[in-house]
Amino acid sequence: MFDFRLKVFHTVAKRLNFTKAAEELSITQPAVTKHIHEIEGHFKVKLFERNGSKIKLTGVGETLLQHTEQLFAIYRNLEFEINSYKETQGGKLRIGASTTIAQYILPPLLAAFHKKIKDIKISLTINNTEQIEKALEDKEIDFGIIEGRSKNNSFKYTEFIKDELVLVARYANPLSKKGTIKLADLKKIPLLLREPGSGTREVIAFALKPFGIKIGALQNEMQLGSTESIKSYLQHSDCMAFLSIHSIIKELRSKELVILDVKGLNLERNFYFIKRHGESESLAGLFMKFAHHYNFRE
């Protein structure tokens, strides 16, 4: 409905690649170039600086990008407000979620939300907590759902659900029958850890700090970027890992993995909704309200 040229510009500005923008928009690269030239001709400015195959925004391009994002936010809110007068609600909702939440918490919730409100088109970006916060800062998503919370005062954090990190090992691990280990023994056990920037890793580091144990002092057998890869690795190794209780329900029931309690170590945390301050509630608020009332035990 609204000027497609602005959408073309926005896509090119975010991707900094004409070919990728064309693929995302399902149009040809010459068409992308034509739309950009039309905007530049209208304002009589250059929006991009070209250096061989690479491009970057000019100062004017940066300004137009900021205003374009503001306009798109207005369009999304307008669509939501207009649809609120009808029997059905519609629009586009861009969600960002950290890996654990996206894999183990969101799928049934998204399915239930879509079943209730089919006219809302949802896109989900999956990354670690640090990258989701950056995507929100760059206005690439409308809100995020992350593990823990940072000290960024430009964000508003709202508690979603509780989680707990537990130390797990495969059922055949010689130590699995102990059920409990001492905190001092933790430094002797080879562990699988998530990458820096992961919410899981930050929770572990924070919990160990009062005991004078730095995460660098742990025996890091390998750094893996997803819970699924960690679970699969554990099946073939006697090392251990800290994982969200939500992520190992099936493996506990099938007795593929077991939990070992670490005496004195509390790894409870909250998952949080995260939004920019001052943003309209619109579709994001509707989804959050639905999520707060969803029964995850069904």
Protein backbone atom coordinates (compact mmCIF):
# COMPACT_ATOMS: atom_id res chain seq x y z
CA MET A 1 0.00 0.00 0.00
CA PHE A 2 2.79 2.42 0.93
CA ASP A 3 5.69 3.55 -1.26
CA PHE A 4 7.54 0.41 -2.33
CA ARG A 5 10.66 2.43 -3.13
CA LEU A 6 11.20 3.12 0.56
CA LYS A 7 11.00 -0.61 1.27
CA VAL A 8 13.61 -1.21 -1.45
CA PHE A 9 15.88 1.46 0.00
CA HIS A 10 15.45 0.08 3.53
CA THR A 11 16.33 -3.45 2.42
CA VAL A 12 19.44 -2.31 0.53
CA ALA A 13 20.47 -0.09 3.46
CA LYS A 14 20.22 -2.98 5.94
CA ARG A 15 21.88 -5.59 3.69
CA LEU A 16 24.34 -3.23 1.96
CA ASN A 17 24.07 -5.53 -1.02
CA PHE A 18 21.89 -5.00 -4.10
CA THR A 19 21.82 -8.69 -5.03
CA LYS A 20 20.70 -9.85 -1.57
CA ALA A 21 18.09 -7.07 -1.44
CA ALA A 22 16.71 -8.18 -4.82
CA GLU A 23 16.46 -11.79 -3.62
CA GLU A 24 14.72 -10.77 -0.40
CA LEU A 25 12.23 -8.55 -2.25
CA SER A 26 11.70 -11.08 -5.07
CA ILE A 27 12.51 -8.52 -7.77
CA THR A 28 15.41 -8.15 -10.19
CA GLN A 29 18.63 -6.34 -9.35
CA PRO A 30 18.06 -3.77 -12.14
CA ALA A 31 14.68 -3.03 -10.57
CA VAL A 32 16.36 -2.43 -7.21
CA THR A 33 18.88 -0.09 -8.84
CA LYS A 34 16.06 1.76 -10.65
CA HIS A 35 14.14 2.37 -7.41
CA ILE A 36 17.26 3.69 -5.65
CA HIS A 37 18.06 6.00 -8.58
CA GLU A 38 14.48 7.34 -8.50
CA ILE A 39 14.80 8.24 -4.81
CA GLU A 40 18.21 9.82 -5.38
CA GLY A 41 16.81 11.74 -8.36
CA HIS A 42 13.83 12.97 -6.37
CA PHE A 43 15.96 14.33 -3.51
CA LYS A 44 18.96 15.13 -5.75
CA VAL A 45 21.36 13.38 -3.37
CA LYS A 46 23.55 10.28 -3.25
CA LEU A 47 22.32 7.62 -0.81
CA PHE A 48 25.16 5.13 -1.23
CA GLU A 49 28.88 5.33 -1.81
CA ARG A 50 30.15 2.60 -4.10
CA ASN A 51 33.63 1.09 -3.88
CA GLY A 52 33.84 -1.76 -6.37
CA SER A 53 31.33 -4.38 -5.32
CA LYS A 54 30.91 -2.89 -1.83
CA ILE A 55 28.52 -0.10 -0.86
CA LYS A 56 27.94 1.98 2.25
CA LEU A 57 25.41 4.63 3.24
CA THR A 58 26.23 8.30 2.83
CA GLY A 59 25.34 10.73 5.60
CA VAL A 60 22.10 11.52 3.78
CA GLY A 61 21.46 7.80 3.40
CA GLU A 62 21.85 7.33 7.16
CA THR A 63 19.31 10.11 7.76
CA LEU A 64 16.83 8.60 5.30
CA LEU A 65 17.24 5.18 6.93
CA GLN A 66 16.37 6.61 10.35
CA HIS A 67 13.24 8.30 9.01
CA THR A 68 12.27 5.23 6.99
CA GLU A 69 12.38 3.06 10.11
CA GLN A 70 10.23 5.60 11.95
CA LEU A 71 7.74 5.57 9.07
CA PHE A 72 7.59 1.77 9.00
CA ALA A 73 6.91 1.74 12.75
CA ILE A 74 4.07 4.20 12.18
CA TYR A 75 2.73 2.01 9.34
CA ARG A 76 2.78 -1.11 11.56
CA ASN A 77 0.98 0.71 14.36
CA LEU A 78 -1.51 2.19 11.90
CA GLU A 79 -2.27 -1.25 10.50
CA PHE A 80 -2.76 -2.58 14.01
CA GLU A 81 -5.04 0.30 15.03
CA ILE A 82 -7.16 0.01 11.86
CA ASN A 83 -7.48 -3.75 12.25
CA SER A 84 -8.51 -3.34 15.88
CA TYR A 85 -11.82 -1.91 14.59
CA LYS A 86 -12.48 -5.12 12.68
CA GLU A 87 -13.33 -8.54 14.00
CA THR A 88 -9.82 -9.79 13.17
CA GLN A 89 -6.47 -8.21 13.89
CA GLY A 90 -3.61 -8.21 11.41
CA GLY A 91 -0.20 -6.85 10.62
CA LYS A 92 3.44 -7.87 10.73
CA LEU A 93 5.33 -8.74 13.88
CA ARG A 94 9.12 -9.19 13.95
CA ILE A 95 10.30 -11.18 16.95
CA GLY A 96 13.89 -11.86 17.98
CA ALA A 97 14.66 -14.70 20.40
CA SER A 98 17.77 -16.18 21.92
CA THR A 99 18.52 -19.73 20.86
CA THR A 100 17.17 -21.69 23.84
CA ILE A 101 13.89 -19.77 23.87
CA ALA A 102 13.43 -20.04 20.10
CA GLN A 103 14.01 -23.79 20.09
CA TYR A 104 12.19 -24.98 23.20
CA ILE A 105 9.78 -22.29 24.41
CA LEU A 106 8.39 -20.47 21.38
CA PRO A 107 7.24 -23.16 18.89
CA PRO A 108 4.05 -24.24 20.74
CA LEU A 109 3.36 -20.63 21.75
CA LEU A 110 3.70 -19.36 18.17
CA ALA A 111 1.45 -22.16 16.90
CA ALA A 112 -1.24 -21.32 19.47
CA PHE A 113 -1.01 -17.59 18.70
CA HIS A 114 -1.29 -18.20 14.95
CA LYS A 115 -4.28 -20.46 15.49
CA LYS A 116 -6.02 -17.69 17.42
CA ILE A 117 -5.00 -14.74 15.19
CA LYS A 118 -4.20 -15.94 11.67
CA ASP A 119 -3.90 -12.49 10.07
CA ILE A 120 -0.73 -11.52 11.96
CA LYS A 121 2.37 -12.47 9.96
CA ILE A 122 5.29 -13.31 12.24
CA SER A 123 8.98 -13.47 11.39
CA LEU A 124 11.40 -14.91 13.95
CA THR A 125 15.09 -14.00 14.19
CA ILE A 126 17.20 -16.46 16.22
CA ASN A 127 20.55 -15.55 17.73
CA ASN A 128 22.31 -15.30 21.08
CA THR A 129 21.19 -12.71 23.63
CA GLU A 130 23.85 -10.16 22.69
CA GLN A 131 22.91 -10.25 19.00
CA ILE A 132 19.17 -10.03 19.73
CA GLU A 133 19.78 -6.87 21.75
CA LYS A 134 21.78 -5.45 18.86
CA ALA A 135 19.00 -6.31 16.39
CA LEU A 136 16.52 -4.48 18.63
CA GLU A 137 18.86 -1.50 18.88
CA ASP A 138 19.15 -1.46 15.07
CA LYS A 139 15.32 -1.68 14.77
CA GLU A 140 15.53 -4.93 12.83
CA ILE A 141 12.97 -6.51 15.21
CA ASP A 142 9.98 -5.15 17.14
CA PHE A 143 10.83 -6.87 20.43
CA GLY A 144 12.99 -9.68 21.75
CA ILE A 145 12.81 -12.55 24.20
CA ILE A 146 16.14 -13.18 25.88
CA GLU A 147 17.91 -15.03 28.68
CA GLY A 148 18.76 -12.66 31.52
CA ARG A 149 19.06 -8.91 31.20
CA SER A 150 21.89 -6.51 30.42
CA LYS A 151 22.55 -3.03 31.77
CA ASN A 152 21.33 -1.26 28.63
CA ASN A 153 19.04 1.51 29.89
CA SER A 154 17.50 2.07 26.46
CA PHE A 155 15.55 -1.19 26.84
CA LYS A 156 12.49 -2.06 28.89
CA TYR A 157 12.59 -5.55 30.40
CA THR A 158 9.45 -7.50 31.34
CA GLU A 159 9.61 -10.91 33.03
CA PHE A 160 8.31 -13.75 30.89
CA ILE A 161 8.84 -17.16 32.52
CA LYS A 162 11.35 -18.70 34.91
CA ASP A 163 14.11 -21.08 33.90
CA GLU A 164 16.85 -23.04 35.60
CA LEU A 165 20.23 -24.15 34.27
CA VAL A 166 21.16 -27.65 35.39
CA LEU A 167 24.35 -29.67 35.06
CA VAL A 168 23.70 -32.69 32.83
CA ALA A 169 25.58 -35.76 31.69
CA ARG A 170 24.75 -38.80 29.62
CA TYR A 171 23.17 -41.69 31.51
CA ALA A 172 26.29 -43.86 30.98
CA ASN A 173 28.64 -41.26 32.48
CA PRO A 174 30.50 -42.86 35.44
CA LEU A 175 29.64 -39.84 37.62
CA SER A 176 25.93 -39.81 36.75
CA LYS A 177 24.99 -42.21 39.58
CA LYS A 178 26.40 -39.81 42.19
CA GLY A 179 23.49 -37.42 41.73
CA THR A 180 25.39 -34.62 43.48
CA ILE A 181 28.85 -33.10 43.16
CA LYS A 182 30.72 -30.51 45.22
CA LEU A 183 31.35 -27.06 43.78
CA ALA A 184 35.11 -27.62 44.07
CA ASP A 185 34.80 -30.71 41.86
CA LEU A 186 33.27 -28.63 39.07
CA LYS A 187 36.72 -27.39 38.04
CA LYS A 188 37.87 -31.00 37.49
CA ILE A 189 35.07 -31.92 35.09
CA PRO A 190 35.43 -31.33 31.33
CA LEU A 191 32.56 -29.09 30.23
CA LEU A 192 30.88 -28.00 27.02
CA LEU A 193 30.25 -24.24 27.06
CA ARG A 194 28.28 -21.87 24.87
CA GLU A 195 29.95 -19.01 23.00
CA PRO A 196 30.68 -15.54 24.54
CA GLY A 197 27.54 -13.41 24.22
CA SER A 198 25.29 -16.33 25.08
CA GLY A 199 22.84 -15.69 27.93
CA THR A 200 23.50 -19.19 29.28
CA ARG A 201 27.23 -18.55 29.54
CA GLU A 202 26.66 -15.20 31.29
CA VAL A 203 24.35 -16.79 33.90
CA ILE A 204 26.99 -19.43 34.70
CA ALA A 205 29.73 -16.79 35.01
CA PHE A 206 27.54 -14.63 37.29
CA ALA A 207 26.61 -17.58 39.55
CA LEU A 208 30.23 -18.68 39.97
CA LYS A 209 31.56 -15.18 40.74
CA PRO A 210 30.67 -15.16 44.50
CA PHE A 211 32.70 -18.37 44.89
CA GLY A 212 35.77 -16.81 43.29
CA ILE A 213 35.57 -19.11 40.28
CA LYS A 214 36.03 -17.56 36.86
CA ILE A 215 34.49 -19.26 33.87
CA GLY A 216 37.96 -19.32 32.30
CA ALA A 217 39.11 -21.59 35.14
CA LEU A 218 36.69 -24.34 34.10
CA GLN A 219 37.82 -27.20 31.88
CA ASN A 220 36.29 -26.13 28.58
CA GLU A 221 36.46 -29.26 26.44
CA MET A 222 34.76 -27.52 23.55
CA GLN A 223 32.73 -24.41 22.75
CA LEU A 224 29.52 -25.17 20.85
CA GLY A 225 26.99 -22.69 19.50
CA SER A 226 23.70 -24.47 20.16
CA THR A 227 21.96 -26.59 22.78
CA GLU A 228 21.19 -29.31 20.24
CA SER A 229 24.85 -29.71 19.31
CA ILE A 230 25.76 -29.86 23.02
CA LYS A 231 23.13 -32.55 23.72
CA SER A 232 24.31 -34.60 20.76
CA TYR A 233 27.96 -34.31 21.83
CA LEU A 234 27.10 -35.43 25.37
CA GLN A 235 25.73 -38.70 24.01
CA HIS A 236 29.26 -39.59 22.85
CA SER A 237 31.35 -38.16 25.68
CA ASP A 238 31.82 -38.25 29.43
CA CYS A 239 31.98 -34.46 29.70
CA MET A 240 29.07 -32.42 31.08
CA ALA A 241 27.21 -29.21 30.32
CA PHE A 242 24.89 -26.66 31.89
CA LEU A 243 21.60 -26.58 29.97
CA SER A 244 18.15 -25.08 30.41
CA ILE A 245 15.72 -27.44 32.10
CA HIS A 246 13.27 -26.60 29.30
CA SER A 247 15.66 -28.01 26.70
CA ILE A 248 16.14 -31.50 28.16
CA ILE A 249 12.60 -32.66 29.05
CA LYS A 250 12.54 -35.39 26.38
CA GLU A 251 16.06 -36.60 27.20
CA LEU A 252 15.25 -36.86 30.91
CA ARG A 253 12.12 -38.90 30.18
CA SER A 254 13.99 -41.25 27.85
CA LYS A 255 16.90 -41.47 30.34
CA GLU A 256 19.42 -40.28 27.76
CA LEU A 257 20.57 -37.50 30.09
CA VAL A 258 20.62 -37.12 33.88
CA ILE A 259 20.89 -34.08 36.14
CA LEU A 260 23.66 -33.71 38.71
CA ASP A 261 23.08 -31.24 41.51
CA VAL A 262 25.99 -28.91 42.29
CA LYS A 263 25.93 -28.17 46.02
CA GLY A 264 25.42 -24.49 46.81
CA LEU A 265 25.10 -23.38 43.19
CA ASN A 266 21.85 -21.68 42.21
CA LEU A 267 21.36 -21.18 38.47
CA GLU A 268 17.77 -19.95 38.36
CA ARG A 269 17.04 -17.12 35.96
CA ASN A 270 14.21 -15.36 34.13
CA PHE A 271 13.50 -15.15 30.44
CA TYR A 272 12.61 -11.55 29.56
CA PHE A 273 10.62 -9.69 26.95
CA ILE A 274 12.74 -6.78 25.81
CA LYS A 275 11.58 -3.62 24.02
CA ARG A 276 12.88 -0.16 23.28
CA HIS A 277 11.59 2.49 25.70
CA GLY A 278 8.78 4.62 24.28
CA GLU A 279 7.68 2.09 21.66
CA SER A 280 3.94 1.66 21.10
CA GLU A 281 2.52 -1.58 22.51
CA SER A 282 0.60 -2.50 19.30
CA LEU A 283 1.15 -6.07 18.08
CA ALA A 284 4.09 -6.69 20.41
CA GLY A 285 1.89 -5.95 23.41
CA LEU A 286 -0.83 -8.24 22.07
CA PHE A 287 1.64 -11.11 21.70
CA MET A 288 3.16 -10.53 25.16
CA LYS A 289 -0.28 -10.55 26.77
CA PHE A 290 -1.10 -13.81 25.00
CA ALA A 291 2.24 -15.35 26.06
CA HIS A 292 1.71 -14.44 29.72
CA HIS A 293 -1.57 -16.36 29.73
CA TYR A 294 -0.33 -19.37 27.75
CA ASN A 295 -0.19 -22.67 29.65
CA PHE A 296 3.23 -24.16 28.91
CA ARG A 297 2.31 -27.37 30.76
CA GLU A 298 -0.44 -28.34 28.31
